[in-house]
C-alpha cells in the first residue's frame, strides 16, 4: 500500500498486489462474477424541521436495542407536529404508528396510531402529533412502525424539544456553506471560516478548516453532485449543533469512464445573534471502485481516492488477491487474468441510496490456493435474505463456480457502530479452519468446513475481558459482580484449551491486557475493593503480574509490587507498560 500519483490535486491510492510474486497482464479482462442477491425492498423515511428535510431513516426488520440507536436526533417544534415522508419503493404500507420512549427504551412515554396520511405515486406524507409529555431539553427515543402485510418495519431516531438550539438556522448555514464550495465564483467568501493552513494540500480525500481554500473548493477536481444530501443531525445542544451531509459526486476519468465517490461532510456549528460560527468542518471523500481497465497497470491496482489501509489478503503463491473497497469485496486472479466483484450491496444501474447506505463492513477471513474465499459481512444488511437486519454473515466464495454461499448468520440487536467496535477487538482463524469472533457480549466458534457453530463464552457485557494482539488468547473474569472476581479464565483459541487464574482466598483478580501474547493482570485484596455511590468500582491493585501463556503450564515472567503503592490501571503500548499508581491516604 503506497500513496502517490498526485493528479488534479487528488490523492490516488496505489495498491501494490504481490509485487515480485506476480504481475497483472496488460490485456486485463474484467468479468462480472458476482452472484445476484434480492433487491432492496424496505421503505425509507425522511423527517422535517421547519420544512427542511432531515434525517433519512432506514428500516429494520427486528426491534433493536434502544440504547445503541443513537445515530440521529430530530428537533420538535413548538407546534409539536413532526412531518414525515415515506418513500415506499412499491412496498405496501398498511398502517403507521409510533412510540416515544426513554433513551434506554425501558419507559414508554406515549404511543399512537397515524390514521390520516396522503399516499401518491409511492410517496406517503404524514404528521406525527407529539403529545405534550416531553421535558424541554431532554432526549427521547422515537420509534416509527410501518406495518406491511404480516411484517413490521422499525425506524429509529432521537427527538428533543430545545427551542433555543437554533437548529433551523444551523441547517440553513450548512446548506449554504456546502453549495458555496461548488461555486467557483463565490467560494472565496468561505475564507472567513478558514484557519491556519497546516493540513495536507495534496489530497481531496480529507479536507478541513486547516486545508487551503483551494482544497475546500474542490481544487481542480472536475466533477458534480450526483445526489442531493439530506442533512443528518447528530447532536443538538444550546451551544452548538452537529450536522452531517452524505452524498455522491461523479466525474469522467481519463479513459472516458464514469467515476463515483462517496462524500461525507461533518459540521459543528454555533449560532449567535450576530453571526454563525463554524467550530469544525471535515470532508472525507472515498472512491467507489469500478474495476475499469484504466485502474490496472503492470503490477498494481489503482484504487483511487480512499482513506485508511486496504483490507486485503493474498494466497500463499500470490496468484489471487482479495481486497475491500468502500463496502465491496473484490478478487483478482492472476492466472485467469480476471477480476471478480465477490460481494456488493450496490446494483449495476446508478447509485441507489439504500444499496449505498454504508453501515456495514467486510473482513477477509482466508483465501486458498484456488482463489476461493471465506469472508465476513457485518453490520446493517442493505438487501438480500437478511435485508433490514444487523448481524454477522459468514460467507464462502467459490472461485471455480463463481458463487457465494452463506455459512452462518449471527443476528444482533445492536447498531453497526457497536458491532464494529466488538468485532474489531477479536477475530481469529485457526489453521484447521475454525473461526472465532465476538458479538453482543458472546464469543462464537464456527467450523468453516462443517458449518457447526457454538457459543463458547457469553455474558461478556457484564464481565471484564482482554484480547491478545494476535487475537489468539482471550481472558475474562468469571462470575464477577461489578468487576469483582476471584477468577480469570483464559482460552487459547488455537488449541481451544482454557485454564483459570486465581490468587487464593480474599483476593480479587482483574485482566489488564496483553503485551504481545503475554498476559497482564492485577491482584487486589478483596477488603480494599469498594464501590462509590456513583457506581464506580475502586480496585486498588497491590500487585501486577505478566504471565507467559504460550504453553499448557503458564509461568510468571515478572511481578511488580511496591510496599505502600497501589495501581489503579495500566496503559500498554507495544512492549511498554505504564502504571497509574496511587497511595493509601489513611482514610477509607
Foldseek 3Di string as FASTA:
>chain_A
DDWDDQDLLAIWDWFFFPPPLAWFDLVFDADALEDDFFAFQAKWKWKDDPNATADIWTWFQDAFQLLQPQAFEAEADPQQKIKMKIQRNPFDFDWKKKWKAASRRPGTQDIDTFPDWDDDPRMIIGIDRHDPRDDAPHKIKMWMWTDGPPTIIITIYIYHHHVLQPVVVVVVVVVVLVVLLQPPVRLVVCLVQADDQDDDSSHLQKDKSNHDSCSSSVRSDPKAWPDDWHKGWNDTDNFKTKIKTWGKIWDADPVRDIWIKIKMKIFIWGDDPVDIHTPIIMMGIFTDADPDSVQGDTGIGTRTRDDDDWQKDAEPSSQKIWTDGLAWIKMAGRVVSYIYGHDALADDPDGDCLRNPRLKHKHWADAYPQGKTWIKIAFADSGGPNHNFGWIWIWIADPVSSDIDTLDTDTHSHHSVVQCVQQVQAWDAEPQQWIWGDDPQWIKIARPVVSDIDTDDHDNVQWAKEAAPNNQKIKIADPDDLHWGQKIWMAGNNVRDIDIDGDDPQKTKHWAYAQHNKTKIFIAGNVPWDADPVGHIQGWGQKMWTWDPPDPDIDTPDMDGDPQKTFRHWDDDNRDIDTDIDGDPPDD
